[in-house]
Amino acid sequence: MVEVANDPAVDAVWLARGGYGANRIAARAIARMGPAAATKPFLGYSDGGFVLAGLLAKGIGRPVHGPMATDVNRIGGEEAVLRSLDWLVAQGEPRLQYYFGELPPVPTAKRAAFNIIVLSQLLGTPLEPDFTGRVLMLEEVDEPLYAIDRSLFHITSSPAVRRCAGLMLGRCAPITPNNPEFGSDEEAIARHWCAVSGIKWLGRADIGHDAANTVVPFD
């Protein structure tokens, strides 16, 4: 990753997959990035969020949440990867909406999108970016509702996160069954912690670990 980030002949870095263990290398890799990486897009999601967050924190490159190369293996995955390639070529505003329904109440706000547990784990580390004034979009996959609940408790308790412009919840499917049942669905959980923390609830976002995942530039 450092090699392609520092290569002026490479126009963008497109993550092949999320990559569990990205938290082990993100800070060291970012510290080795030079001038060629300064304005280069870095596109991915899931555990790649450790890298995207660290880049945002250091003001390096242009972090972008969006489908990765491995998503071509999903049903409908060809459209997903073309969505990312289309953005990487044009590098403008995504043609597809990344939210459901009407525009968020803060349409001019900057954005950032992360996996819930990844974001929860990177808070308080050198990878934590500035959330001030940003619409924060969160999604999850293969977790029970109690895990989503305690991660959102941690995220929304952060004074840094509370400076965001508001929170949007993406898809959290599939949800791992648990016995006994938690008693609330993922949206009710997110709404609860927004109310407790004073973070503005902005509705649902069209992101997730699936072929419908949309492109969200962090700007």
Protein backbone atom coordinates (compact mmCIF):
# COMPACT_ATOMS: atom_id res chain seq x y z
CA MET A 1 0.00 0.00 0.00
CA VAL A 2 2.84 2.39 0.81
CA GLU A 3 4.48 1.62 -2.52
CA VAL A 4 1.41 2.47 -4.61
CA ALA A 5 0.50 5.44 -2.40
CA ASN A 6 3.93 6.96 -3.03
CA ASP A 7 4.01 6.18 -6.75
CA PRO A 8 3.13 9.32 -8.81
CA ALA A 9 2.10 7.06 -11.70
CA VAL A 10 -0.72 5.54 -9.63
CA ASP A 11 -3.86 7.69 -9.67
CA ALA A 12 -5.80 6.01 -6.85
CA VAL A 13 -5.62 3.26 -4.25
CA TRP A 14 -8.57 0.86 -4.39
CA LEU A 15 -8.64 -1.65 -1.56
CA ALA A 16 -9.10 -5.25 -2.67
CA ARG A 17 -10.96 -6.20 0.52
CA GLY A 18 -11.59 -4.92 4.05
CA GLY A 19 -8.65 -6.75 5.52
CA TYR A 20 -8.93 -7.69 9.19
CA GLY A 21 -5.61 -6.75 10.75
CA ALA A 22 -5.66 -3.37 9.00
CA ASN A 23 -5.53 -1.82 12.46
CA ARG A 24 -2.04 -3.34 12.88
CA ILE A 25 -0.53 -1.59 9.87
CA ALA A 26 -2.59 1.56 9.26
CA ALA A 27 -0.63 4.03 11.41
CA ARG A 28 2.78 2.76 10.29
CA ALA A 29 1.78 2.76 6.62
CA ILE A 30 0.33 6.27 6.76
CA ALA A 31 3.46 7.57 8.49
CA ARG A 32 5.51 6.43 5.47
CA MET A 33 3.35 8.12 2.84
CA GLY A 34 4.92 11.04 0.97
CA PRO A 35 3.85 13.90 -1.33
CA ALA A 36 2.43 11.62 -4.05
CA ALA A 37 -0.21 10.37 -1.62
CA ALA A 38 -1.33 13.86 -0.63
CA THR A 39 -4.34 14.16 -2.95
CA LYS A 40 -4.78 10.54 -4.05
CA PRO A 41 -8.16 8.83 -3.46
CA PHE A 42 -8.13 5.78 -1.15
CA LEU A 43 -11.35 3.80 -1.58
CA GLY A 44 -12.64 0.92 0.56
CA TYR A 45 -14.70 0.11 3.66
CA SER A 46 -15.08 -2.40 6.51
CA ASP A 47 -11.68 -2.92 8.23
CA GLY A 48 -10.29 -0.59 5.59
CA GLY A 49 -11.96 2.06 7.73
CA PHE A 50 -8.88 1.99 9.99
CA VAL A 51 -6.86 3.26 7.02
CA LEU A 52 -9.51 5.75 5.89
CA ALA A 53 -9.82 7.18 9.41
CA GLY A 54 -6.06 7.53 9.79
CA LEU A 55 -5.75 9.27 6.44
CA LEU A 56 -8.52 11.67 7.42
CA ALA A 57 -6.84 12.30 10.77
CA LYS A 58 -3.53 13.17 9.09
CA GLY A 59 -5.03 15.10 6.18
CA ILE A 60 -3.49 12.72 3.65
CA GLY A 61 -5.20 11.77 0.39
CA ARG A 62 -8.93 11.62 -0.18
CA PRO A 63 -10.59 8.86 1.86
CA VAL A 64 -13.69 7.36 0.23
CA HIS A 65 -16.09 4.71 1.51
CA GLY A 66 -17.27 2.43 -1.29
CA PRO A 67 -17.39 -1.07 -2.80
CA MET A 68 -14.08 -2.94 -3.01
CA ALA A 69 -12.73 -5.24 -5.68
CA THR A 70 -13.78 -8.38 -3.79
CA ASP A 71 -17.41 -7.25 -3.90
CA VAL A 72 -17.56 -8.45 -7.49
CA ASN A 73 -18.13 -11.90 -5.95
CA ARG A 74 -21.45 -10.84 -4.42
CA ILE A 75 -24.78 -11.27 -6.21
CA GLY A 76 -25.07 -8.02 -8.13
CA GLY A 77 -21.42 -7.34 -7.38
CA GLU A 78 -20.55 -6.28 -10.90
CA GLU A 79 -22.69 -3.16 -10.50
CA ALA A 80 -21.10 -2.54 -7.10
CA VAL A 81 -17.52 -2.47 -8.38
CA LEU A 82 -18.52 -0.43 -11.42
CA ARG A 83 -20.01 2.09 -9.00
CA SER A 84 -16.62 2.56 -7.36
CA LEU A 85 -14.71 2.56 -10.66
CA ASP A 86 -17.14 5.13 -12.04
CA TRP A 87 -16.40 7.42 -9.09
CA LEU A 88 -12.64 6.84 -9.26
CA VAL A 89 -12.61 7.93 -12.89
CA ALA A 90 -14.92 10.94 -12.48
CA GLN A 91 -14.07 11.85 -8.84
CA GLY A 92 -17.10 14.06 -8.53
CA GLU A 93 -20.30 13.83 -6.55
CA PRO A 94 -21.61 10.24 -6.71
CA ARG A 95 -24.46 9.86 -9.16
CA LEU A 96 -26.31 7.58 -6.77
CA GLN A 97 -27.80 8.89 -3.55
CA TYR A 98 -26.10 7.62 -0.41
CA TYR A 99 -29.13 8.29 1.80
CA PHE A 100 -32.76 7.24 1.85
CA GLY A 101 -35.58 9.74 1.33
CA GLU A 102 -34.99 13.47 1.51
CA LEU A 103 -31.66 15.23 1.84
CA PRO A 104 -30.29 15.26 5.39
CA PRO A 105 -31.06 18.47 7.34
CA VAL A 106 -27.38 19.41 6.94
CA PRO A 107 -26.85 18.92 3.17
CA THR A 108 -23.68 21.03 3.07
CA ALA A 109 -21.94 19.08 5.84
CA LYS A 110 -18.91 16.94 5.15
CA ARG A 111 -19.31 13.19 5.48
CA ALA A 112 -17.57 10.11 6.82
CA ALA A 113 -18.72 6.49 6.75
CA PHE A 114 -17.53 3.58 8.87
CA ASN A 115 -18.32 0.10 10.12
CA ILE A 116 -19.73 0.50 13.64
CA ILE A 117 -17.32 -1.80 15.49
CA VAL A 118 -14.31 -0.56 13.51
CA LEU A 119 -15.12 3.04 14.47
CA SER A 120 -15.73 2.07 18.09
CA GLN A 121 -12.32 0.38 18.24
CA LEU A 122 -10.34 3.26 16.72
CA LEU A 123 -11.69 5.99 18.99
CA GLY A 124 -8.99 7.30 21.30
CA THR A 125 -6.18 6.02 19.06
CA PRO A 126 -3.88 7.97 16.70
CA LEU A 127 -6.23 6.92 13.88
CA GLU A 128 -9.16 8.94 15.27
CA PRO A 129 -10.12 11.77 12.87
CA ASP A 130 -11.90 15.06 13.55
CA PHE A 131 -15.66 14.53 13.38
CA THR A 132 -16.58 18.19 13.84
CA GLY A 133 -19.43 19.18 11.54
CA ARG A 134 -19.43 15.86 9.67
CA VAL A 135 -22.43 13.67 8.93
CA LEU A 136 -21.39 10.31 10.35
CA MET A 137 -22.74 7.25 8.50
CA LEU A 138 -22.44 3.86 10.20
CA GLU A 139 -23.13 0.27 9.12
CA GLU A 140 -22.57 -3.24 10.48
CA VAL A 141 -22.63 -6.90 9.47
CA ASP A 142 -22.80 -10.27 11.24
CA GLU A 143 -23.14 -8.87 14.76
CA PRO A 144 -25.85 -9.47 17.38
CA LEU A 145 -27.95 -6.50 18.42
CA TYR A 146 -26.38 -6.36 21.88
CA ALA A 147 -22.95 -5.82 20.26
CA ILE A 148 -24.35 -3.05 18.06
CA ASP A 149 -25.90 -1.48 21.16
CA ARG A 150 -22.72 -1.42 23.23
CA SER A 151 -20.64 -0.18 20.29
CA LEU A 152 -23.06 2.69 19.64
CA PHE A 153 -23.01 3.46 23.38
CA HIS A 154 -19.23 3.81 23.15
CA ILE A 155 -19.26 5.81 19.91
CA THR A 156 -21.93 8.28 20.99
CA SER A 157 -20.32 8.73 24.42
CA SER A 158 -17.19 10.15 22.78
CA PRO A 159 -16.92 13.96 23.14
CA ALA A 160 -15.19 14.01 19.74
CA VAL A 161 -18.05 12.17 18.04
CA ARG A 162 -20.60 14.44 19.72
CA ARG A 163 -19.19 17.30 17.66
CA CYS A 164 -20.48 15.66 14.46
CA ALA A 165 -23.36 17.18 12.47
CA GLY A 166 -25.50 14.09 12.97
CA LEU A 167 -25.67 10.34 12.61
CA MET A 168 -27.14 8.17 9.86
CA LEU A 169 -27.52 4.40 10.12
CA GLY A 170 -26.81 2.14 7.19
CA ARG A 171 -27.72 -1.52 6.91
CA CYS A 172 -26.70 -3.90 9.69
CA ALA A 173 -27.61 -7.14 7.92
CA PRO A 174 -27.32 -9.97 8.47
CA ILE A 175 -27.77 -9.68 12.23
CA THR A 176 -26.47 -12.63 14.23
CA PRO A 177 -29.32 -14.21 16.24
CA ASN A 178 -29.00 -14.16 20.01
CA ASN A 179 -30.93 -15.81 22.83
CA PRO A 180 -32.50 -14.07 24.65
CA GLU A 181 -33.52 -11.50 22.07
CA PHE A 182 -32.26 -7.97 22.69
CA GLY A 183 -35.67 -6.34 22.44
CA SER A 184 -34.89 -3.47 20.03
CA ASP A 185 -33.93 -3.37 16.38
CA GLU A 186 -30.86 -1.55 15.08
CA GLU A 187 -32.69 1.67 14.22
CA ALA A 188 -34.30 1.89 17.65
CA ILE A 189 -30.87 1.35 19.20
CA ALA A 190 -29.28 4.11 17.10
CA ARG A 191 -32.16 6.50 17.82
CA HIS A 192 -31.83 5.78 21.54
CA TRP A 193 -28.13 6.60 21.72
CA CYS A 194 -28.58 9.71 19.57
CA ALA A 195 -31.23 10.93 22.02
CA VAL A 196 -29.05 10.14 25.04
CA SER A 197 -25.95 11.80 23.58
CA GLY A 198 -27.60 14.80 21.95
CA ILE A 199 -26.36 13.76 18.51
CA LYS A 200 -28.81 14.64 15.75
CA TRP A 201 -30.55 11.61 14.20
CA LEU A 202 -30.57 12.03 10.41
CA GLY A 203 -32.19 8.79 9.29
CA ARG A 204 -30.98 5.86 7.24
CA ALA A 205 -27.97 5.74 4.89
CA ASP A 206 -27.64 3.56 1.80
CA ILE A 207 -24.43 1.83 2.89
CA GLY A 208 -23.62 -1.67 4.11
CA HIS A 209 -21.75 -4.90 3.55
CA ASP A 210 -23.64 -5.72 0.34
CA ALA A 211 -23.78 -5.07 -3.38
CA ALA A 212 -26.01 -2.02 -2.84
CA ASN A 213 -23.26 -0.25 -0.85
CA THR A 214 -22.81 3.27 -2.20
CA VAL A 215 -19.83 5.59 -2.61
CA VAL A 216 -19.34 8.21 0.12
CA PRO A 217 -16.38 10.61 -0.30
CA PHE A 218 -15.19 12.02 3.02
CA ASP A 219 -15.65 15.63 1.93
